[in-house]
Structure formats: structure tokens, C-alpha cells
Amino acid sequence: MTTLITSPPKPTSDASAQSDCENAFARPVCELIDKITQAGCAPEIAFAAVKRVLEDQTHAYAKHPRPAEGHKPSPFPLAPF
């Protein structure tokens, strides 16, 4: 999966920042769910798994808001999906 997420069109302090962010990643998330279900996962399990991962990432980010120096996030190489 090589879908790119675009940069926000306005500053993150703008009132519509959350909506802009949701719009930017809605399609990649839907594509991820499609890949997971096509691989054989039931949709409700796929949604629960994605929700759990997002919750875990929320907690991890709260502890360490900045990635380690030199760390480059991957563009979603989620094998086997």
C-alpha cells in the first residue's frame, strides 16, 4: 500500500484542523481496512484491531511526543496486508 497522506492545508491551530486531518487519512484507513478484510479478517475484527492500534499509539505518543532522532516513519509497509 503506497497511499500518501497530504499535509494539512491550514495551521494545526485552525478550528478545522481535526476535520482536515480526518479528511486526509480517511481514504488510507479505508484502504487498509479493505486490505485486512480481503486477507480474511472479519470486518468487526479488523475495525477492533485498528482501534486498538490507534489507542496504543495515542498512549505511546503521550509518553514520547517526538520520534527518536534519525527515526523515519515507514510509509505503511504492513505485511501481509
C-alpha atoms as a PDB file:
ATOM      1  CA  MET A   1       0.000   0.000   0.000  1.00  0.00           C
ATOM      2  CA  THR A   2       1.535   3.290  -1.069  1.00  0.00           C
ATOM      3  CA  THR A   3      -1.214   5.802  -0.368  1.00  0.00           C
ATOM      4  CA  LEU A   4       0.205   9.125   0.744  1.00  0.00           C
ATOM      5  CA  ILE A   5      -1.349  11.361   3.355  1.00  0.00           C
ATOM      6  CA  THR A   6      -1.226  15.020   2.410  1.00  0.00           C
ATOM      7  CA  SER A   7      -0.045  17.836   4.651  1.00  0.00           C
ATOM      8  CA  PRO A   8      -2.736  19.920   6.340  1.00  0.00           C
ATOM      9  CA  PRO A   9      -3.840  22.914   4.253  1.00  0.00           C
ATOM     10  CA  LYS A  10      -4.051  25.198   7.313  1.00  0.00           C
ATOM     11  CA  PRO A  11      -2.142  25.579  10.579  1.00  0.00           C
ATOM     12  CA  THR A  12      -2.909  22.889  13.157  1.00  0.00           C
ATOM     13  CA  SER A  13      -4.261  25.631  15.432  1.00  0.00           C
ATOM     14  CA  ASP A  14      -7.068  26.347  12.927  1.00  0.00           C
ATOM     15  CA  ALA A  15     -10.595  25.397  14.053  1.00  0.00           C
ATOM     16  CA  SER A  16     -10.992  22.981  11.144  1.00  0.00           C
ATOM     17  CA  ALA A  17      -7.660  21.198  11.739  1.00  0.00           C
ATOM     18  CA  GLN A  18      -9.257  17.994  13.071  1.00  0.00           C
ATOM     19  CA  SER A  19     -11.673  17.828  10.163  1.00  0.00           C
ATOM     20  CA  ASP A  20      -8.836  18.439   7.697  1.00  0.00           C
ATOM     21  CA  CYS A  21      -6.800  15.674   9.328  1.00  0.00           C
ATOM     22  CA  GLU A  22      -9.738  13.236   9.214  1.00  0.00           C
ATOM     23  CA  ASN A  23     -10.269  14.010   5.547  1.00  0.00           C
ATOM     24  CA  ALA A  24      -6.569  13.475   4.817  1.00  0.00           C
ATOM     25  CA  PHE A  25      -6.385   9.994   6.302  1.00  0.00           C
ATOM     26  CA  ALA A  26      -9.922   8.659   5.766  1.00  0.00           C
ATOM     27  CA  ARG A  27      -9.096   7.095   2.405  1.00  0.00           C
ATOM     28  CA  PRO A  28      -5.833   5.423   3.506  1.00  0.00           C
ATOM     29  CA  VAL A  29      -7.580   3.981   6.572  1.00  0.00           C
ATOM     30  CA  CYS A  30     -10.455   2.666   4.438  1.00  0.00           C
ATOM     31  CA  GLU A  31      -7.932   1.115   2.042  1.00  0.00           C
ATOM     32  CA  LEU A  32      -6.155  -0.517   4.987  1.00  0.00           C
ATOM     33  CA  ILE A  33      -9.429  -1.977   6.294  1.00  0.00           C
ATOM     34  CA  ASP A  34     -10.214  -3.273   2.798  1.00  0.00           C
ATOM     35  CA  LYS A  35      -6.801  -4.980   2.602  1.00  0.00           C
ATOM     36  CA  ILE A  36      -7.240  -6.530   6.048  1.00  0.00           C
ATOM     37  CA  THR A  37     -10.711  -7.894   5.227  1.00  0.00           C
ATOM     38  CA  GLN A  38      -9.553  -9.136   1.806  1.00  0.00           C
ATOM     39  CA  ALA A  39      -6.810 -11.038   3.622  1.00  0.00           C
ATOM     40  CA  GLY A  40      -9.525 -12.908   5.510  1.00  0.00           C
ATOM     41  CA  CYS A  41     -10.177 -10.932   8.708  1.00  0.00           C
ATOM     42  CA  ALA A  42     -13.798 -10.309   9.607  1.00  0.00           C
ATOM     43  CA  PRO A  43     -14.644  -6.579   9.326  1.00  0.00           C
ATOM     44  CA  GLU A  44     -15.543  -6.244  13.012  1.00  0.00           C
ATOM     45  CA  ILE A  45     -12.202  -7.780  13.985  1.00  0.00           C
ATOM     46  CA  ALA A  46     -10.350  -5.504  11.556  1.00  0.00           C
ATOM     47  CA  PHE A  47     -12.040  -2.402  12.975  1.00  0.00           C
ATOM     48  CA  ALA A  48     -11.356  -3.519  16.552  1.00  0.00           C
ATOM     49  CA  ALA A  49      -7.701  -4.180  15.692  1.00  0.00           C
ATOM     50  CA  VAL A  50      -7.245  -0.779  14.056  1.00  0.00           C
ATOM     51  CA  LYS A  51      -8.957   0.896  17.007  1.00  0.00           C
ATOM     52  CA  ARG A  52      -6.631  -0.911  19.434  1.00  0.00           C
ATOM     53  CA  VAL A  53      -3.528   0.063  17.469  1.00  0.00           C
ATOM     54  CA  LEU A  54      -4.646   3.701  17.402  1.00  0.00           C
ATOM     55  CA  GLU A  55      -5.292   3.659  21.149  1.00  0.00           C
ATOM     56  CA  ASP A  56      -1.845   2.143  21.753  1.00  0.00           C
ATOM     57  CA  GLN A  57      -0.236   4.776  19.536  1.00  0.00           C
ATOM     58  CA  THR A  58      -2.120   7.519  21.399  1.00  0.00           C
ATOM     59  CA  HIS A  59      -0.679   6.300  24.706  1.00  0.00           C
ATOM     60  CA  ALA A  60       2.824   5.893  23.259  1.00  0.00           C
ATOM     61  CA  TYR A  61       2.733   9.399  21.781  1.00  0.00           C
ATOM     62  CA  ALA A  62       1.576  10.829  25.109  1.00  0.00           C
ATOM     63  CA  LYS A  63       4.719   9.371  26.705  1.00  0.00           C
ATOM     64  CA  HIS A  64       7.112  10.293  23.873  1.00  0.00           C
ATOM     65  CA  PRO A  65       5.655  13.009  21.630  1.00  0.00           C
ATOM     66  CA  ARG A  66       8.639  13.223  19.289  1.00  0.00           C
ATOM     67  CA  PRO A  67      10.097  10.292  17.365  1.00  0.00           C
ATOM     68  CA  ALA A  68      13.686   9.401  18.139  1.00  0.00           C
ATOM     69  CA  GLU A  69      16.315  11.350  16.254  1.00  0.00           C
ATOM     70  CA  GLY A  70      17.119   9.663  12.991  1.00  0.00           C
ATOM     71  CA  HIS A  71      13.940   7.583  13.092  1.00  0.00           C
ATOM     72  CA  LYS A  72      11.956   7.825   9.882  1.00  0.00           C
ATOM     73  CA  PRO A  73       8.373   6.557   9.969  1.00  0.00           C
ATOM     74  CA  SER A  74       7.605   3.924   7.379  1.00  0.00           C
ATOM     75  CA  PRO A  75       5.011   4.563   4.658  1.00  0.00           C
ATOM     76  CA  PHE A  76       2.788   1.740   5.963  1.00  0.00           C
ATOM     77  CA  PRO A  77       4.660  -1.402   4.888  1.00  0.00           C
ATOM     78  CA  LEU A  78       2.171  -3.633   6.711  1.00  0.00           C
ATOM     79  CA  ALA A  79       2.873  -7.154   5.520  1.00  0.00           C
ATOM     80  CA  PRO A  80       0.985  -9.247   4.670  1.00  0.00           C
ATOM     81  CA  PHE A  81      -1.712  -6.650   4.070  1.00  0.00           C
END
